[in-house]
Protein backbone atom coordinates (compact mmCIF):
# COMPACT_ATOMS: atom_id res chain seq x y z
CA UNK A 1 0.00 0.00 0.00
CA UNK A 2 1.48 3.37 -0.93
CA UNK A 3 1.95 6.19 1.56
CA UNK A 4 -0.68 8.32 -0.20
CA UNK A 5 -3.32 5.62 0.22
CA UNK A 6 -2.50 5.23 3.92
CA UNK A 7 -2.64 8.98 4.42
CA UNK A 8 -5.94 9.23 2.56
CA UNK A 9 -7.55 6.39 4.49
CA UNK A 10 -6.28 7.79 7.78
CA UNK A 11 -7.70 11.21 6.91
CA UNK A 12 -11.06 9.64 6.07
CA UNK A 13 -11.09 7.78 9.41
CA UNK A 14 -10.23 10.92 11.35
CA UNK A 15 -12.89 12.90 9.49
CA UNK A 16 -15.56 10.27 10.09
CA UNK A 17 -14.69 9.94 13.79
CA UNK A 18 -14.76 13.72 14.19
CA UNK A 19 -18.11 13.92 12.43
CA UNK A 20 -19.57 11.21 14.62
CA UNK A 21 -18.24 12.91 17.76
CA UNK A 22 -19.74 16.25 16.74
CA UNK A 23 -23.08 14.64 15.89
CA UNK A 24 -23.07 12.79 19.22
CA UNK A 25 -22.29 15.99 21.11
CA UNK A 26 -25.12 17.77 19.32
CA UNK A 27 -27.59 15.02 20.19
CA UNK A 28 -26.45 14.81 23.81
CA UNK A 29 -26.80 18.56 24.37
CA UNK A 30 -30.43 18.63 23.30
CA UNK A 31 -32.62 20.20 25.97
CA UNK A 32 -36.05 19.16 27.09
CA UNK A 33 -38.73 21.78 27.76
CA UNK A 34 -38.26 21.29 31.52
CA UNK A 35 -34.65 22.49 31.45
CA UNK A 36 -35.00 25.08 28.71
CA UNK A 37 -33.76 27.94 30.91
CA UNK A 38 -31.07 25.94 32.69
CA UNK A 39 -30.69 26.94 36.33
CA UNK A 40 -32.94 29.96 35.98
CA UNK A 41 -36.45 29.73 37.41
CA UNK A 42 -39.15 29.03 34.86
CA UNK A 43 -41.14 32.16 35.60
CA UNK A 44 -40.58 35.60 37.07
CA UNK A 45 -41.56 36.27 40.67
CA UNK A 46 -40.83 32.77 41.97
CA UNK A 47 -38.68 34.25 44.76
CA UNK A 48 -37.95 37.79 45.91
CA UNK A 49 -34.67 37.84 43.93
CA UNK A 50 -35.71 36.02 40.77
CA UNK A 51 -36.36 39.15 38.73
CA UNK A 52 -33.00 40.72 39.57
CA UNK A 53 -31.10 37.50 38.87
CA UNK A 54 -32.79 36.99 35.50
CA UNK A 55 -32.15 40.62 34.53
CA UNK A 56 -28.51 40.30 35.56
CA UNK A 57 -28.17 37.14 33.48
CA UNK A 58 -29.72 38.68 30.37
CA UNK A 59 -27.81 41.95 30.70
CA UNK A 60 -24.50 40.15 31.17
CA UNK A 61 -25.10 38.30 27.90
CA UNK A 62 -25.89 41.60 26.19
CA UNK A 63 -22.65 43.14 27.53
CA UNK A 64 -20.62 40.11 26.44
CA UNK A 65 -22.16 40.27 22.97
CA UNK A 66 -21.39 43.99 22.68
CA UNK A 67 -17.75 43.47 23.72
CA UNK A 68 -17.46 40.57 21.27
CA UNK A 69 -18.87 42.59 18.37
CA UNK A 70 -16.51 45.50 19.11
CA UNK A 71 -13.52 43.16 19.39
CA UNK A 72 -14.29 41.35 16.12
CA UNK A 73 -14.96 44.67 14.38
CA UNK A 74 -11.58 46.06 15.46
CA UNK A 75 -9.86 42.83 14.50
CA UNK A 76 -11.35 42.88 10.99
CA UNK A 77 -10.54 46.58 10.64
CA UNK A 78 -6.87 45.96 11.57
CA UNK A 79 -6.65 43.06 9.14
CA UNK A 80 -8.02 45.18 6.30
CA UNK A 81 -6.26 48.46 7.14
CA UNK A 82 -2.79 47.03 7.72
CA UNK A 83 -2.62 44.33 5.08
CA UNK A 84 0.36 44.15 2.77
CA UNK A 85 0.07 46.28 -0.34
CA UNK A 86 0.81 44.96 -3.84
CA UNK A 87 4.15 46.72 -4.31
CA UNK A 88 5.68 45.96 -0.91
CA UNK A 89 8.11 43.14 -0.26
CA UNK A 90 9.78 41.88 2.87
CA UNK A 91 8.92 42.63 6.46
CA UNK A 92 8.17 46.06 7.92
CA UNK A 93 10.78 47.79 10.06
CA UNK A 94 11.01 45.95 13.36
CA UNK A 95 10.95 48.11 16.47
CA UNK A 96 12.15 46.98 19.87
CA UNK A 97 13.16 48.34 23.26
CA UNK A 98 10.58 51.07 23.75
CA UNK A 99 12.10 52.21 27.04
CA UNK A 100 9.38 54.67 28.14
CA UNK A 101 6.66 52.08 27.55
CA UNK A 102 8.63 49.25 29.19
CA UNK A 103 9.50 51.32 32.26
CA UNK A 104 5.85 52.33 32.65
CA UNK A 105 4.65 48.73 32.66
PDB file of N, CA and C in Angstrom:
ATOM      1  N   UNK A   1       0.849  -1.170   0.000  1.00  0.00           N
ATOM      2  CA  UNK A   1       0.000   0.000   0.000  1.00  0.00           C
ATOM      3  C   UNK A   1       0.898   1.238   0.000  1.00  0.00           C
ATOM      4  N   UNK A   2       0.641   2.182  -0.839  1.00  0.00           N
ATOM      5  CA  UNK A   2       1.478   3.369  -0.933  1.00  0.00           C
ATOM      6  C   UNK A   2       1.172   4.319   0.230  1.00  0.00           C
ATOM      7  N   UNK A   3       2.106   5.257   0.438  1.00  0.00           N
ATOM      8  CA  UNK A   3       1.948   6.186   1.564  1.00  0.00           C
ATOM      9  C   UNK A   3       0.769   7.135   1.339  1.00  0.00           C
ATOM     10  N   UNK A   4       0.461   7.443   0.072  1.00  0.00           N
ATOM     11  CA  UNK A   4      -0.681   8.317  -0.198  1.00  0.00           C
ATOM     12  C   UNK A   4      -1.986   7.628   0.156  1.00  0.00           C
ATOM     13  N   UNK A   5      -2.099   6.345  -0.120  1.00  0.00           N
ATOM     14  CA  UNK A   5      -3.321   5.617   0.217  1.00  0.00           C
ATOM     15  C   UNK A   5      -3.505   5.527   1.723  1.00  0.00           C
ATOM     16  N   UNK A   6      -2.411   5.294   2.460  1.00  0.00           N
ATOM     17  CA  UNK A   6      -2.504   5.229   3.917  1.00  0.00           C
ATOM     18  C   UNK A   6      -2.885   6.581   4.504  1.00  0.00           C
ATOM     19  N   UNK A   7      -2.309   7.636   3.949  1.00  0.00           N
ATOM     20  CA  UNK A   7      -2.638   8.981   4.420  1.00  0.00           C
ATOM     21  C   UNK A   7      -4.086   9.319   4.124  1.00  0.00           C
ATOM     22  N   UNK A   8      -4.549   8.965   2.938  1.00  0.00           N
ATOM     23  CA  UNK A   8      -5.938   9.232   2.559  1.00  0.00           C
ATOM     24  C   UNK A   8      -6.924   8.461   3.407  1.00  0.00           C
ATOM     25  N   UNK A   9      -6.632   7.172   3.675  1.00  0.00           N
ATOM     26  CA  UNK A   9      -7.550   6.386   4.490  1.00  0.00           C
ATOM     27  C   UNK A   9      -7.529   6.850   5.939  1.00  0.00           C
ATOM     28  N   UNK A  10      -6.357   7.275   6.412  1.00  0.00           N
ATOM     29  CA  UNK A  10      -6.284   7.789   7.778  1.00  0.00           C
ATOM     30  C   UNK A  10      -7.072   9.087   7.899  1.00  0.00           C
ATOM     31  N   UNK A  11      -6.963   9.950   6.906  1.00  0.00           N
ATOM     32  CA  UNK A  11      -7.705  11.213   6.911  1.00  0.00           C
ATOM     33  C   UNK A  11      -9.203  10.952   6.898  1.00  0.00           C
ATOM     34  N   UNK A  12      -9.642   9.975   6.126  1.00  0.00           N
ATOM     35  CA  UNK A  12     -11.062   9.636   6.072  1.00  0.00           C
ATOM     36  C   UNK A  12     -11.538   9.125   7.430  1.00  0.00           C
ATOM     37  N   UNK A  13     -10.720   8.288   8.084  1.00  0.00           N
ATOM     38  CA  UNK A  13     -11.085   7.777   9.408  1.00  0.00           C
ATOM     39  C   UNK A  13     -11.193   8.905  10.420  1.00  0.00           C
ATOM     40  N   UNK A  14     -10.211   9.799  10.412  1.00  0.00           N
ATOM     41  CA  UNK A  14     -10.234  10.916  11.354  1.00  0.00           C
ATOM     42  C   UNK A  14     -11.440  11.807  11.100  1.00  0.00           C
ATOM     43  N   UNK A  15     -11.742  12.071   9.828  1.00  0.00           N
ATOM     44  CA  UNK A  15     -12.889  12.899   9.488  1.00  0.00           C
ATOM     45  C   UNK A  15     -14.185  12.251   9.928  1.00  0.00           C
ATOM     46  N   UNK A  16     -14.316  10.949   9.705  1.00  0.00           N
ATOM     47  CA  UNK A  16     -15.563  10.274  10.090  1.00  0.00           C
ATOM     48  C   UNK A  16     -15.709  10.207  11.607  1.00  0.00           C
ATOM     49  N   UNK A  17     -14.622   9.971  12.326  1.00  0.00           N
ATOM     50  CA  UNK A  17     -14.691   9.938  13.792  1.00  0.00           C
ATOM     51  C   UNK A  17     -15.036  11.326  14.333  1.00  0.00           C
ATOM     52  N   UNK A  18     -14.445  12.354  13.763  1.00  0.00           N
ATOM     53  CA  UNK A  18     -14.757  13.716  14.190  1.00  0.00           C
ATOM     54  C   UNK A  18     -16.212  14.057  13.918  1.00  0.00           C
ATOM     55  N   UNK A  19     -16.707  13.668  12.754  1.00  0.00           N
ATOM     56  CA  UNK A  19     -18.111  13.919  12.425  1.00  0.00           C
ATOM     57  C   UNK A  19     -19.053  13.197  13.377  1.00  0.00           C
ATOM     58  N   UNK A  20     -18.737  11.958  13.678  1.00  0.00           N
ATOM     59  CA  UNK A  20     -19.575  11.211  14.622  1.00  0.00           C
ATOM     60  C   UNK A  20     -19.524  11.828  16.014  1.00  0.00           C
ATOM     61  N   UNK A  21     -18.358  12.280  16.448  1.00  0.00           N
ATOM     62  CA  UNK A  21     -18.239  12.909  17.762  1.00  0.00           C
ATOM     63  C   UNK A  21     -19.043  14.197  17.822  1.00  0.00           C
ATOM     64  N   UNK A  22     -18.975  15.013  16.767  1.00  0.00           N
ATOM     65  CA  UNK A  22     -19.744  16.255  16.739  1.00  0.00           C
ATOM     66  C   UNK A  22     -21.245  15.981  16.710  1.00  0.00           C
ATOM     67  N   UNK A  23     -21.658  14.987  15.928  1.00  0.00           N
ATOM     68  CA  UNK A  23     -23.084  14.639  15.886  1.00  0.00           C
ATOM     69  C   UNK A  23     -23.547  14.112  17.244  1.00  0.00           C
ATOM     70  N   UNK A  24     -22.726  13.296  17.890  1.00  0.00           N
ATOM     71  CA  UNK A  24     -23.071  12.791  19.219  1.00  0.00           C
ATOM     72  C   UNK A  24     -23.173  13.905  20.239  1.00  0.00           C
ATOM     73  N   UNK A  25     -22.243  14.855  20.189  1.00  0.00           N
ATOM     74  CA  UNK A  25     -22.292  15.987  21.112  1.00  0.00           C
ATOM     75  C   UNK A  25     -23.537  16.822  20.883  1.00  0.00           C
ATOM     76  N   UNK A  26     -23.919  17.001  19.633  1.00  0.00           N
ATOM     77  CA  UNK A  26     -25.118  17.768  19.321  1.00  0.00           C
ATOM     78  C   UNK A  26     -26.367  17.075  19.848  1.00  0.00           C
ATOM     79  N   UNK A  27     -26.432  15.767  19.700  1.00  0.00           N
ATOM     80  CA  UNK A  27     -27.589  15.016  20.191  1.00  0.00           C
ATOM     81  C   UNK A  27     -27.637  15.036  21.718  1.00  0.00           C
ATOM     82  N   UNK A  28     -26.481  14.875  22.352  1.00  0.00           N
ATOM     83  CA  UNK A  28     -26.447  14.813  23.809  1.00  0.00           C
ATOM     84  C   UNK A  28     -26.723  16.154  24.478  1.00  0.00           C
ATOM     85  N   UNK A  29     -26.539  17.259  23.769  1.00  0.00           N
ATOM     86  CA  UNK A  29     -26.796  18.560  24.369  1.00  0.00           C
ATOM     87  C   UNK A  29     -28.219  19.045  24.130  1.00  0.00           C
ATOM     88  N   UNK A  30     -29.058  18.234  23.528  1.00  0.00           N
ATOM     89  CA  UNK A  30     -30.433  18.632  23.303  1.00  0.00           C
ATOM     90  C   UNK A  30     -31.167  18.823  24.624  1.00  0.00           C
ATOM     91  N   UNK A  31     -31.936  19.880  24.721  1.00  0.00           N
ATOM     92  CA  UNK A  31     -32.620  20.205  25.970  1.00  0.00           C
ATOM     93  C   UNK A  31     -34.096  19.841  25.886  1.00  0.00           C
ATOM     94  N   UNK A  32     -34.615  19.412  26.990  1.00  0.00           N
ATOM     95  CA  UNK A  32     -36.046  19.165  27.087  1.00  0.00           C
ATOM     96  C   UNK A  32     -36.729  20.463  27.515  1.00  0.00           C
ATOM     97  N   UNK A  33     -38.037  20.551  27.354  1.00  0.00           N
ATOM     98  CA  UNK A  33     -38.734  21.783  27.760  1.00  0.00           C
ATOM     99  C   UNK A  33     -38.592  22.082  29.252  1.00  0.00           C
ATOM    100  N   UNK A  34     -38.373  21.058  30.086  1.00  0.00           N
ATOM    101  CA  UNK A  34     -38.263  21.285  31.519  1.00  0.00           C
ATOM    102  C   UNK A  34     -36.989  22.033  31.898  1.00  0.00           C
ATOM    103  N   UNK A  35     -35.931  21.845  31.130  1.00  0.00           N
ATOM    104  CA  UNK A  35     -34.654  22.490  31.451  1.00  0.00           C
ATOM    105  C   UNK A  35     -34.275  23.532  30.406  1.00  0.00           C
ATOM    106  N   UNK A  36     -35.246  24.123  29.784  1.00  0.00           N
ATOM    107  CA  UNK A  36     -34.996  25.081  28.715  1.00  0.00           C
ATOM    108  C   UNK A  36     -34.195  26.284  29.192  1.00  0.00           C
ATOM    109  N   UNK A  37     -34.453  26.771  30.398  1.00  0.00           N
ATOM    110  CA  UNK A  37     -33.757  27.945  30.914  1.00  0.00           C
ATOM    111  C   UNK A  37     -32.577  27.587  31.800  1.00  0.00           C
ATOM    112  N   UNK A  38     -32.205  26.331  31.877  1.00  0.00           N
ATOM    113  CA  UNK A  38     -31.071  25.936  32.693  1.00  0.00           C
ATOM    114  C   UNK A  38     -31.381  26.065  34.169  1.00  0.00           C
ATOM    115  N   UNK A  39     -30.515  26.777  34.893  1.00  0.00           N
ATOM    116  CA  UNK A  39     -30.690  26.936  36.334  1.00  0.00           C
ATOM    117  C   UNK A  39     -31.635  28.070  36.674  1.00  0.00           C
ATOM    118  N   UNK A  40     -32.027  28.855  35.698  1.00  0.00           N
ATOM    119  CA  UNK A  40     -32.940  29.964  35.981  1.00  0.00           C
ATOM    120  C   UNK A  40     -34.334  29.439  36.296  1.00  0.00           C
ATOM    121  N   UNK A  41     -35.065  30.134  37.147  1.00  0.00           N
ATOM    122  CA  UNK A  41     -36.450  29.733  37.406  1.00  0.00           C
ATOM    123  C   UNK A  41     -37.282  29.830  36.135  1.00  0.00           C
ATOM    124  N   UNK A  42     -38.341  29.064  36.083  1.00  0.00           N
ATOM    125  CA  UNK A  42     -39.145  29.026  34.863  1.00  0.00           C
ATOM    126  C   UNK A  42     -40.019  30.261  34.682  1.00  0.00           C
ATOM    127  N   UNK A  43     -40.317  30.958  35.746  1.00  0.00           N
ATOM    128  CA  UNK A  43     -41.142  32.162  35.598  1.00  0.00           C
ATOM    129  C   UNK A  43     -40.662  33.233  36.560  1.00  0.00           C
ATOM    130  N   UNK A  44     -40.981  34.470  36.228  1.00  0.00           N
ATOM    131  CA  UNK A  44     -40.578  35.595  37.067  1.00  0.00           C
ATOM    132  C   UNK A  44     -41.416  35.618  38.344  1.00  0.00           C
ATOM    133  N   UNK A  45     -40.821  36.133  39.414  1.00  0.00           N
ATOM    134  CA  UNK A  45     -41.561  36.273  40.666  1.00  0.00           C
ATOM    135  C   UNK A  45     -41.610  35.013  41.508  1.00  0.00           C
ATOM    136  N   UNK A  46     -40.827  33.999  41.179  1.00  0.00           N
ATOM    137  CA  UNK A  46     -40.825  32.771  41.966  1.00  0.00           C
ATOM    138  C   UNK A  46     -40.299  33.049  43.370  1.00  0.00           C
ATOM    139  N   UNK A  47     -39.204  33.814  43.468  1.00  0.00           N
ATOM    140  CA  UNK A  47     -38.678  34.245  44.763  1.00  0.00           C
ATOM    141  C   UNK A  47     -38.539  35.761  44.742  1.00  0.00           C
ATOM    142  N   UNK A  48     -38.084  36.325  45.857  1.00  0.00           N
ATOM    143  CA  UNK A  48     -37.955  37.786  45.907  1.00  0.00           C
ATOM    144  C   UNK A  48     -36.784  38.289  45.056  1.00  0.00           C
ATOM    145  N   UNK A  49     -35.831  37.420  44.724  1.00  0.00           N
ATOM    146  CA  UNK A  49     -34.667  37.839  43.934  1.00  0.00           C
ATOM    147  C   UNK A  49     -34.681  37.343  42.500  1.00  0.00           C
ATOM    148  N   UNK A  50     -35.680  36.625  42.104  1.00  0.00           N
ATOM    149  CA  UNK A  50     -35.707  36.021  40.770  1.00  0.00           C
ATOM    150  C   UNK A  50     -35.606  37.060  39.666  1.00  0.00           C
ATOM    151  N   UNK A  51     -36.354  38.140  39.786  1.00  0.00           N
ATOM    152  CA  UNK A  51     -36.362  39.154  38.726  1.00  0.00           C
ATOM    153  C   UNK A  51     -34.980  39.785  38.555  1.00  0.00           C
ATOM    154  N   UNK A  52     -34.326  40.097  39.659  1.00  0.00           N
ATOM    155  CA  UNK A  52     -33.002  40.720  39.568  1.00  0.00           C
ATOM    156  C   UNK A  52     -31.974  39.750  38.995  1.00  0.00           C
ATOM    157  N   UNK A  53     -32.050  38.492  39.383  1.00  0.00           N
ATOM    158  CA  UNK A  53     -31.099  37.499  38.873  1.00  0.00           C
ATOM    159  C   UNK A  53     -31.300  37.288  37.380  1.00  0.00           C
ATOM    160  N   UNK A  54     -32.527  37.189  36.934  1.00  0.00           N
ATOM    161  CA  UNK A  54     -32.792  36.994  35.502  1.00  0.00           C
ATOM    162  C   UNK A  54     -32.347  38.207  34.700  1.00  0.00           C
ATOM    163  N   UNK A  55     -32.590  39.413  35.230  1.00  0.00           N
ATOM    164  CA  UNK A  55     -32.146  40.624  34.535  1.00  0.00           C
ATOM    165  C   UNK A  55     -30.626  40.696  34.469  1.00  0.00           C
ATOM    166  N   UNK A  56     -29.965  40.313  35.557  1.00  0.00           N
ATOM    167  CA  UNK A  56     -28.506  40.296  35.561  1.00  0.00           C
ATOM    168  C   UNK A  56     -27.970  39.314  34.521  1.00  0.00           C
ATOM    169  N   UNK A  57     -28.580  38.159  34.437  1.00  0.00           N
ATOM    170  CA  UNK A  57     -28.165  37.137  33.483  1.00  0.00           C
ATOM    171  C   UNK A  57     -28.312  37.636  32.044  1.00  0.00           C
ATOM    172  N   UNK A  58     -29.464  38.193  31.733  1.00  0.00           N
ATOM    173  CA  UNK A  58     -29.721  38.677  30.374  1.00  0.00           C
ATOM    174  C   UNK A  58     -28.805  39.845  30.039  1.00  0.00           C
ATOM    175  N   UNK A  59     -28.651  40.780  30.969  1.00  0.00           N
ATOM    176  CA  UNK A  59     -27.808  41.948  30.697  1.00  0.00           C
ATOM    177  C   UNK A  59     -26.336  41.581  30.594  1.00  0.00           C
ATOM    178  N   UNK A  60     -25.890  40.565  31.326  1.00  0.00           N
ATOM    179  CA  UNK A  60     -24.495  40.147  31.174  1.00  0.00           C
ATOM    180  C   UNK A  60     -24.259  39.534  29.796  1.00  0.00           C
ATOM    181  N   UNK A  61     -25.230  38.829  29.258  1.00  0.00           N
ATOM    182  CA  UNK A  61     -25.098  38.297  27.898  1.00  0.00           C
ATOM    183  C   UNK A  61     -25.086  39.429  26.878  1.00  0.00           C
ATOM    184  N   UNK A  62     -25.882  40.453  27.103  1.00  0.00           N
ATOM    185  CA  UNK A  62     -25.889  41.599  26.190  1.00  0.00           C
ATOM    186  C   UNK A  62     -24.534  42.308  26.220  1.00  0.00           C
ATOM    187  N   UNK A  63     -23.967  42.486  27.412  1.00  0.00           N
ATOM    188  CA  UNK A  63     -22.654  43.135  27.530  1.00  0.00           C
ATOM    189  C   UNK A  63     -21.568  42.296  26.867  1.00  0.00           C
ATOM    190  N   UNK A  64     -21.607  40.983  27.072  1.00  0.00           N
ATOM    191  CA  UNK A  64     -20.615  40.109  26.440  1.00  0.00           C
ATOM    192  C   UNK A  64     -20.734  40.145  24.921  1.00  0.00           C
ATOM    193  N   UNK A  65     -21.950  40.188  24.416  1.00  0.00           N
ATOM    194  CA  UNK A  65     -22.161  40.272  22.974  1.00  0.00           C
ATOM    195  C   UNK A  65     -21.639  41.596  22.423  1.00  0.00           C
ATOM    196  N   UNK A  66     -21.873  42.686  23.137  1.00  0.00           N
ATOM    197  CA  UNK A  66     -21.389  43.991  22.682  1.00  0.00           C
ATOM    198  C   UNK A  66     -19.861  44.023  22.647  1.00  0.00           C
ATOM    199  N   UNK A  67     -19.211  43.506  23.686  1.00  0.00           N
ATOM    200  CA  UNK A  67     -17.746  43.467  23.716  1.00  0.00           C
ATOM    201  C   UNK A  67     -17.220  42.582  22.595  1.00  0.00           C
ATOM    202  N   UNK A  68     -17.879  41.453  22.346  1.00  0.00           N
ATOM    203  CA  UNK A  68     -17.462  40.565  21.267  1.00  0.00           C
ATOM    204  C   UNK A  68     -17.577  41.213  19.901  1.00  0.00           C
ATOM    205  N   UNK A  69     -18.671  41.914  19.666  1.00  0.00           N
ATOM    206  CA  UNK A  69     -18.866  42.585  18.374  1.00  0.00           C
ATOM    207  C   UNK A  69     -17.817  43.680  18.171  1.00  0.00           C
ATOM    208  N   UNK A  70     -17.538  44.453  19.226  1.00  0.00           N
ATOM    209  CA  UNK A  70     -16.515  45.504  19.110  1.00  0.00           C
ATOM    210  C   UNK A  70     -15.141  44.886  18.847  1.00  0.00           C
ATOM    211  N   UNK A  71     -14.818  43.821  19.561  1.00  0.00           N
ATOM    212  CA  UNK A  71     -13.521  43.161  19.385  1.00  0.00           C
ATOM    213  C   UNK A  71     -13.371  42.612  17.975  1.00  0.00           C
ATOM    214  N   UNK A  72     -14.368  41.901  17.482  1.00  0.00           N
ATOM    215  CA  UNK A  72     -14.293  41.354  16.122  1.00  0.00           C
ATOM    216  C   UNK A  72     -14.247  42.466  15.083  1.00  0.00           C
ATOM    217  N   UNK A  73     -14.996  43.544  15.315  1.00  0.00           N
ATOM    218  CA  UNK A  73     -14.957  44.669  14.380  1.00  0.00           C
ATOM    219  C   UNK A  73     -13.578  45.291  14.296  1.00  0.00           C
ATOM    220  N   UNK A  74     -12.938  45.511  15.460  1.00  0.00           N
ATOM    221  CA  UNK A  74     -11.581  46.065  15.459  1.00  0.00           C
ATOM    222  C   UNK A  74     -10.590  45.102  14.839  1.00  0.00           C
ATOM    223  N   UNK A  75     -10.758  43.834  15.081  1.00  0.00           N
ATOM    224  CA  UNK A  75      -9.865  42.832  14.502  1.00  0.00           C
ATOM    225  C   UNK A  75      -9.956  42.834  12.974  1.00  0.00           C
ATOM    226  N   UNK A  76     -11.155  42.844  12.445  1.00  0.00           N
ATOM    227  CA  UNK A  76     -11.349  42.876  10.985  1.00  0.00           C
ATOM    228  C   UNK A  76     -10.815  44.185  10.412  1.00  0.00           C
ATOM    229  N   UNK A  77     -11.048  45.293  11.115  1.00  0.00           N
ATOM    230  CA  UNK A  77     -10.540  46.577  10.640  1.00  0.00           C
ATOM    231  C   UNK A  77      -9.013  46.563  10.569  1.00  0.00           C
ATOM    232  N   UNK A  78      -8.343  46.024  11.586  1.00  0.00           N
ATOM    233  CA  UNK A  78      -6.875  45.963  11.571  1.00  0.00           C
ATOM    234  C   UNK A  78      -6.370  45.063  10.455  1.00  0.00           C
ATOM    235  N   UNK A  79      -7.056  43.957  10.220  1.00  0.00           N
ATOM    236  CA  UNK A  79      -6.645  43.057   9.141  1.00  0.00           C
ATOM    237  C   UNK A  79      -6.743  43.756   7.788  1.00  0.00           C
ATOM    238  N   UNK A  80      -7.814  44.499   7.580  1.00  0.00           N
ATOM    239  CA  UNK A  80      -8.017  45.184   6.298  1.00  0.00           C
ATOM    240  C   UNK A  80      -7.112  46.407   6.173  1.00  0.00           C
ATOM    241  N   UNK A  81      -7.010  47.204   7.226  1.00  0.00           N
ATOM    242  CA  UNK A  81      -6.256  48.461   7.143  1.00  0.00           C
ATOM    243  C   UNK A  81      -4.755  48.237   7.037  1.00  0.00           C
ATOM    244  N   UNK A  82      -4.232  47.221   7.683  1.00  0.00           N
ATOM    245  CA  UNK A  82      -2.792  47.028   7.723  1.00  0.00           C
ATOM    246  C   UNK A  82      -2.307  45.834   6.911  1.00  0.00           C
ATOM    247  N   UNK A  83      -3.061  45.436   5.924  1.00  0.00           N
ATOM    248  CA  UNK A  83      -2.620  44.325   5.080  1.00  0.00           C
ATOM    249  C   UNK A  83      -1.488  44.796   4.167  1.00  0.00           C
ATOM    250  N   UNK A  84      -0.769  43.843   3.641  1.00  0.00           N
ATOM    251  CA  UNK A  84       0.359  44.151   2.773  1.00  0.00           C
ATOM    252  C   UNK A  84      -0.158  44.659   1.429  1.00  0.00           C
ATOM    253  N   UNK A  85       0.440  45.705   0.952  1.00  0.00           N
ATOM    254  CA  UNK A  85       0.070  46.280  -0.342  1.00  0.00           C
ATOM    255  C   UNK A  85       0.747  45.509  -1.466  1.00  0.00           C
ATOM    256  N   UNK A  86       0.288  45.719  -2.693  1.00  0.00           N
ATOM    257  CA  UNK A  86       0.808  44.964  -3.840  1.00  0.00           C
ATOM    258  C   UNK A  86       2.291  45.190  -4.082  1.00  0.00           C
ATOM    259  N   UNK A  87       2.767  46.413  -3.954  1.00  0.00           N
ATOM    260  CA  UNK A  87       4.149  46.724  -4.307  1.00  0.00           C
ATOM    261  C   UNK A  87       5.162  46.458  -3.208  1.00  0.00           C
ATOM    262  N   UNK A  88       4.731  46.114  -2.014  1.00  0.00           N
ATOM    263  CA  UNK A  88       5.685  45.956  -0.914  1.00  0.00           C
ATOM    264  C   UNK A  88       6.231  44.541  -0.853  1.00  0.00           C
ATOM    265  N   UNK A  89       7.485  44.440  -0.446  1.00  0.00           N
ATOM    266  CA  UNK A  89       8.111  43.136  -0.259  1.00  0.00           C
ATOM    267  C   UNK A  89       8.828  43.141   1.081  1.00  0.00           C
ATOM    268  N   UNK A  90       9.042  41.979   1.622  1.00  0.00           N
ATOM    269  CA  UNK A  90       9.776  41.876   2.874  1.00  0.00           C
ATOM    270  C   UNK A  90       8.917  42.220   4.082  1.00  0.00           C
ATOM    271  N   UNK A  91       9.603  42.329   5.219  1.00  0.00           N
ATOM    272  CA  UNK A  91       8.920  42.626   6.463  1.00  0.00           C
ATOM    273  C   UNK A  91       9.003  44.112   6.768  1.00  0.00           C
ATOM    274  N   UNK A  92       8.064  44.650   7.527  1.00  0.00           N
ATOM    275  CA  UNK A  92       8.169  46.057   7.921  1.00  0.00           C
ATOM    276  C   UNK A  92       9.319  46.246   8.908  1.00  0.00           C
ATOM    277  N   UNK A  93       9.699  47.496   9.136  1.00  0.00           N
ATOM    278  CA  UNK A  93      10.783  47.793  10.059  1.00  0.00           C
ATOM    279  C   UNK A  93      10.393  47.304  11.451  1.00  0.00           C
ATOM    280  N   UNK A  94      11.274  46.512  12.056  1.00  0.00           N
ATOM    281  CA  UNK A  94      11.006  45.947  13.364  1.00  0.00           C
ATOM    282  C   UNK A  94      11.493  46.907  14.449  1.00  0.00           C
ATOM    283  N   UNK A  95      10.608  47.221  15.372  1.00  0.00           N
ATOM    284  CA  UNK A  95      10.951  48.112  16.466  1.00  0.00           C
ATOM    285  C   UNK A  95      11.082  47.297  17.743  1.00  0.00           C
ATOM    286  N   UNK A  96      12.007  47.666  18.588  1.00  0.00           N
ATOM    287  CA  UNK A  96      12.151  46.982  19.873  1.00  0.00           C
ATOM    288  C   UNK A  96      12.698  47.963  20.899  1.00  0.00           C
ATOM    289  N   UNK A  97      12.633  47.570  22.133  1.00  0.00           N
ATOM    290  CA  UNK A  97      13.157  48.341  23.256  1.00  0.00           C
ATOM    291  C   UNK A  97      12.550  49.742  23.325  1.00  0.00           C
ATOM    292  N   UNK A  98      11.242  49.798  23.517  1.00  0.00           N
ATOM    293  CA  UNK A  98      10.584  51.068  23.749  1.00  0.00           C
ATOM    294  C   UNK A  98      10.689  51.358  25.246  1.00  0.00           C
ATOM    295  N   UNK A  99      11.768  52.026  25.631  1.00  0.00           N
ATOM    296  CA  UNK A  99      12.104  52.212  27.040  1.00  0.00           C
ATOM    297  C   UNK A  99      11.020  52.936  27.835  1.00  0.00           C
ATOM    298  N   UNK A 100      10.431  54.017  27.332  1.00  0.00           N
ATOM    299  CA  UNK A 100       9.379  54.669  28.138  1.00  0.00           C
ATOM    300  C   UNK A 100       8.183  53.737  28.387  1.00  0.00           C
ATOM    301  N   UNK A 101       7.797  52.987  27.390  1.00  0.00           N
ATOM    302  CA  UNK A 101       6.664  52.082  27.552  1.00  0.00           C
ATOM    303  C   UNK A 101       7.029  50.930  28.474  1.00  0.00           C
ATOM    304  N   UNK A 102       8.221  50.381  28.343  1.00  0.00           N
ATOM    305  CA  UNK A 102       8.627  49.254  29.186  1.00  0.00           C
ATOM    306  C   UNK A 102       8.834  49.667  30.640  1.00  0.00           C
ATOM    307  N   UNK A 103       9.316  50.874  30.869  1.00  0.00           N
ATOM    308  CA  UNK A 103       9.499  51.321  32.260  1.00  0.00           C
ATOM    309  C   UNK A 103       8.156  51.653  32.902  1.00  0.00           C
ATOM    310  N   UNK A 104       7.182  52.028  32.121  1.00  0.00           N
ATOM    311  CA  UNK A 104       5.851  52.331  32.647  1.00  0.00           C
ATOM    312  C   UNK A 104       5.163  51.056  33.109  1.00  0.00           C
ATOM    313  N   UNK A 105       5.315  49.991  32.336  1.00  0.00           N
ATOM    314  CA  UNK A 105       4.649  48.727  32.662  1.00  0.00           C
ATOM    315  C   UNK A 105       5.435  48.023  33.718  1.00  0.00           C
TER     316      UNK A 105
END
